[in-house]
C-alpha atoms as a PDB file:
ATOM      1  CA  MET A   1      90.603 162.801  57.969  1.00  0.00           C
ATOM      2  CA  TRP A   2      93.501 160.337  57.612  1.00  0.00           C
ATOM      3  CA  ARG A   3      92.166 158.105  60.410  1.00  0.00           C
ATOM      4  CA  GLU A   4      88.765 157.832  58.750  1.00  0.00           C
ATOM      5  CA  VAL A   5      90.336 156.911  55.389  1.00  0.00           C
ATOM      6  CA  LYS A   6      92.575 154.340  57.093  1.00  0.00           C
ATOM      7  CA  LYS A   7      89.603 152.888  58.987  1.00  0.00           C
ATOM      8  CA  ARG A   8      87.507 152.533  55.830  1.00  0.00           C
ATOM      9  CA  PHE A   9      90.439 151.003  53.938  1.00  0.00           C
ATOM     10  CA  LEU A  10      90.988 148.411  56.671  1.00  0.00           C
ATOM     11  CA  ILE A  11      87.268 147.534  56.709  1.00  0.00           C
ATOM     12  CA  VAL A  12      87.211 147.059  52.924  1.00  0.00           C
ATOM     13  CA  ALA A  13      90.448 145.046  53.093  1.00  0.00           C
ATOM     14  CA  GLY A  14      88.970 142.916  55.902  1.00  0.00           C
ATOM     15  CA  PHE A  15      85.895 142.034  53.862  1.00  0.00           C
ATOM     16  CA  ALA A  16      88.007 141.379  50.751  1.00  0.00           C
ATOM     17  CA  VAL A  17      90.325 139.032  52.653  1.00  0.00           C
ATOM     18  CA  LEU A  18      87.361 137.331  54.324  1.00  0.00           C
ATOM     19  CA  GLY A  19      85.723 136.840  50.915  1.00  0.00           C
ATOM     20  CA  ILE A  20      88.887 135.262  49.524  1.00  0.00           C
ATOM     21  CA  GLY A  21      89.074 133.079  52.628  1.00  0.00           C
ATOM     22  CA  ILE A  22      85.514 131.877  52.079  1.00  0.00           C
ATOM     23  CA  VAL A  23      86.368 131.027  48.464  1.00  0.00           C
ATOM     24  CA  GLY A  24      89.345 129.135  49.915  1.00  0.00           C
ATOM     25  CA  ILE A  25      86.936 126.682  51.514  1.00  0.00           C
ATOM     26  CA  PHE A  26      86.265 125.331  48.024  1.00  0.00           C
ATOM     27  CA  VAL A  27      89.585 126.049  46.276  1.00  0.00           C
ATOM     28  CA  PRO A  28      92.448 123.860  47.510  1.00  0.00           C
ATOM     29  CA  LEU A  29      95.319 126.342  47.115  1.00  0.00           C
ATOM     30  CA  LEU A  30      93.683 129.216  49.036  1.00  0.00           C
ATOM     31  CA  PRO A  31      94.319 128.969  52.786  1.00  0.00           C
ATOM     32  CA  THR A  32      91.035 129.736  54.560  1.00  0.00           C
ATOM     33  CA  THR A  33      92.145 129.902  58.196  1.00  0.00           C
ATOM     34  CA  PRO A  34      95.045 132.365  57.796  1.00  0.00           C
ATOM     35  CA  LEU A  35      92.860 134.638  55.673  1.00  0.00           C
ATOM     36  CA  VAL A  36      90.068 134.615  58.257  1.00  0.00           C
ATOM     37  CA  LEU A  37      92.641 135.391  60.971  1.00  0.00           C
ATOM     38  CA  LEU A  38      93.943 138.275  58.865  1.00  0.00           C
ATOM     39  CA  ALA A  39      90.387 139.571  58.390  1.00  0.00           C
ATOM     40  CA  ALA A  40      89.884 139.453  62.170  1.00  0.00           C
ATOM     41  CA  TRP A  41      93.109 141.424  62.657  1.00  0.00           C
ATOM     42  CA  LEU A  42      92.020 144.041  60.103  1.00  0.00           C
ATOM     43  CA  PHE A  43      88.598 144.369  61.727  1.00  0.00           C
ATOM     44  CA  ALA A  44      90.171 144.642  65.187  1.00  0.00           C
ATOM     45  CA  ARG A  45      92.101 147.702  63.981  1.00  0.00           C
ATOM     46  CA  SER A  46      89.202 149.332  62.180  1.00  0.00           C
ATOM     47  CA  SER A  47      85.764 148.347  63.468  1.00  0.00           C
ATOM     48  CA  ASN A  48      84.795 146.777  66.769  1.00  0.00           C
ATOM     49  CA  LYS A  49      81.358 146.074  65.245  1.00  0.00           C
ATOM     50  CA  TYR A  50      82.740 143.905  62.433  1.00  0.00           C
ATOM     51  CA  HIS A  51      85.331 142.307  64.708  1.00  0.00           C
ATOM     52  CA  GLN A  52      82.570 141.224  67.091  1.00  0.00           C
ATOM     53  CA  TRP A  53      80.432 140.098  64.150  1.00  0.00           C
ATOM     54  CA  LEU A  54      83.231 137.823  62.931  1.00  0.00           C
ATOM     55  CA  HIS A  55      83.773 136.476  66.447  1.00  0.00           C
ATOM     56  CA  SER A  56      80.096 135.641  66.783  1.00  0.00           C
ATOM     57  CA  ASN A  57      79.948 134.007  63.333  1.00  0.00           C
ATOM     58  CA  ARG A  58      78.786 130.403  63.609  1.00  0.00           C
ATOM     59  CA  PHE A  59      81.419 129.148  61.143  1.00  0.00           C
ATOM     60  CA  PHE A  60      84.531 131.068  62.220  1.00  0.00           C
ATOM     61  CA  GLY A  61      83.718 132.440  65.684  1.00  0.00           C
ATOM     62  CA  GLU A  62      84.790 129.570  67.905  1.00  0.00           C
ATOM     63  CA  THR A  63      88.053 129.070  66.044  1.00  0.00           C
ATOM     64  CA  LEU A  64      88.868 132.794  66.170  1.00  0.00           C
ATOM     65  CA  ARG A  65      88.116 133.073  69.871  1.00  0.00           C
ATOM     66  CA  SER A  66      90.247 130.034  70.673  1.00  0.00           C
ATOM     67  CA  TRP A  67      93.096 131.217  68.465  1.00  0.00           C
ATOM     68  CA  GLU A  68      93.182 134.716  69.927  1.00  0.00           C
ATOM     69  CA  ALA A  69      93.041 133.312  73.465  1.00  0.00           C
ATOM     70  CA  GLY A  70      96.070 131.137  72.656  1.00  0.00           C
ATOM     71  CA  GLU A  71      94.102 127.956  73.310  1.00  0.00           C
ATOM     72  CA  GLY A  72      94.619 126.403  69.878  1.00  0.00           C
ATOM     73  CA  LEU A  73      92.195 124.371  67.786  1.00  0.00           C
ATOM     74  CA  THR A  74      89.750 121.754  69.024  1.00  0.00           C
ATOM     75  CA  VAL A  75      90.243 118.152  67.985  1.00  0.00           C
ATOM     76  CA  MET A  76      86.992 118.349  66.000  1.00  0.00           C
ATOM     77  CA  THR A  77      88.240 121.448  64.133  1.00  0.00           C
ATOM     78  CA  LYS A  78      91.476 119.651  63.312  1.00  0.00           C
ATOM     79  CA  TRP A  79      89.595 116.605  61.998  1.00  0.00           C
ATOM     80  CA  ARG A  80      87.306 118.806  59.921  1.00  0.00           C
ATOM     81  CA  MET A  81      90.337 120.618  58.495  1.00  0.00           C
ATOM     82  CA  ILE A  82      92.010 117.341  57.539  1.00  0.00           C
ATOM     83  CA  MET A  83      88.879 115.713  56.113  1.00  0.00           C
ATOM     84  CA  LEU A  84      87.613 118.723  54.171  1.00  0.00           C
ATOM     85  CA  SER A  85      91.006 119.538  52.668  1.00  0.00           C
ATOM     86  CA  THR A  86      91.581 115.890  51.738  1.00  0.00           C
ATOM     87  CA  VAL A  87      88.167 115.606  50.063  1.00  0.00           C
ATOM     88  CA  VAL A  88      88.483 118.905  48.169  1.00  0.00           C
ATOM     89  CA  ILE A  89      92.056 118.206  47.052  1.00  0.00           C
ATOM     90  CA  GLY A  90      91.053 114.643  46.119  1.00  0.00           C
ATOM     91  CA  ILE A  91      88.170 115.872  43.956  1.00  0.00           C
ATOM     92  CA  SER A  92      90.482 118.456  42.374  1.00  0.00           C
ATOM     93  CA  PHE A  93      93.071 115.741  41.726  1.00  0.00           C
ATOM     94  CA  LEU A  94      90.532 113.492  40.033  1.00  0.00           C
ATOM     95  CA  SER A  95      89.141 116.289  37.883  1.00  0.00           C
ATOM     96  CA  CYS A  96      92.504 117.807  36.939  1.00  0.00           C
ATOM     97  CA  PRO A  97      93.536 116.845  33.392  1.00  0.00           C
ATOM     98  CA  ASN A  98      97.059 118.251  33.787  1.00  0.00           C
ATOM     99  CA  HIS A  99      99.849 116.078  35.265  1.00  0.00           C
ATOM    100  CA  ILE A 100     101.674 119.101  36.670  1.00  0.00           C
ATOM    101  CA  GLY A 101      98.470 120.231  38.383  1.00  0.00           C
ATOM    102  CA  ARG A 102      98.102 116.803  39.959  1.00  0.00           C
ATOM    103  CA  ILE A 103     101.684 116.927  41.218  1.00  0.00           C
ATOM    104  CA  VAL A 104     101.051 120.353  42.746  1.00  0.00           C
ATOM    105  CA  LEU A 105      97.918 119.033  44.475  1.00  0.00           C
ATOM    106  CA  ILE A 106      99.882 116.091  45.894  1.00  0.00           C
ATOM    107  CA  LEU A 107     102.535 118.512  47.178  1.00  0.00           C
ATOM    108  CA  VAL A 108      99.896 120.806  48.724  1.00  0.00           C
ATOM    109  CA  LEU A 109      97.948 118.071  50.530  1.00  0.00           C
ATOM    110  CA  PRO A 110     100.381 117.713  53.471  1.00  0.00           C
ATOM    111  CA  ILE A 111     100.158 121.432  54.341  1.00  0.00           C
ATOM    112  CA  PRO A 112      96.704 121.474  55.994  1.00  0.00           C
ATOM    113  CA  ILE A 113      97.403 118.088  57.550  1.00  0.00           C
ATOM    114  CA  CYS A 114     100.635 119.363  59.111  1.00  0.00           C
ATOM    115  CA  VAL A 115      98.925 122.556  60.295  1.00  0.00           C
ATOM    116  CA  ALA A 116      96.267 120.436  62.015  1.00  0.00           C
ATOM    117  CA  ILE A 117      98.758 118.035  63.553  1.00  0.00           C
ATOM    118  CA  PHE A 118     101.323 120.564  64.752  1.00  0.00           C
ATOM    119  CA  SER A 119      99.047 123.381  65.923  1.00  0.00           C
ATOM    120  CA  ARG A 120      98.168 123.602  69.590  1.00  0.00           C
ATOM    121  CA  THR A 121      95.201 121.483  70.655  1.00  0.00           C
ATOM    122  CA  LYS A 122      92.513 123.122  72.774  1.00  0.00           C
ATOM    123  CA  LYS A 123      91.705 121.125  75.877  1.00  0.00           C
ATOM    124  CA  SER A 124      88.023 120.195  76.126  1.00  0.00           C
END
């Protein structure tokens, strides 16, 4: 009984975290990659079906497989991370009417750039 409840809870939590991670693609302060990695971890402990589904996903699959294998991120993934986060944070900066919000966005911008630069690079 307890195992089934735990399994269902982890599946629901995995989809919730994955949903927040997907929203994080468009919202600068939500970290997409760590949330997708957390969703993969939750699925790995609850449902092989959903874990495999996430690994075969065309958007997240390659990154997850590389990360779990300890290979790191491809150069293209790093460039996409830097460019997408810079564009989204730049648009948010330009549309933000609040000076404090703009300062926060400036302070947040180096985070995805540093993650891309300092994470392990997958050899081609």
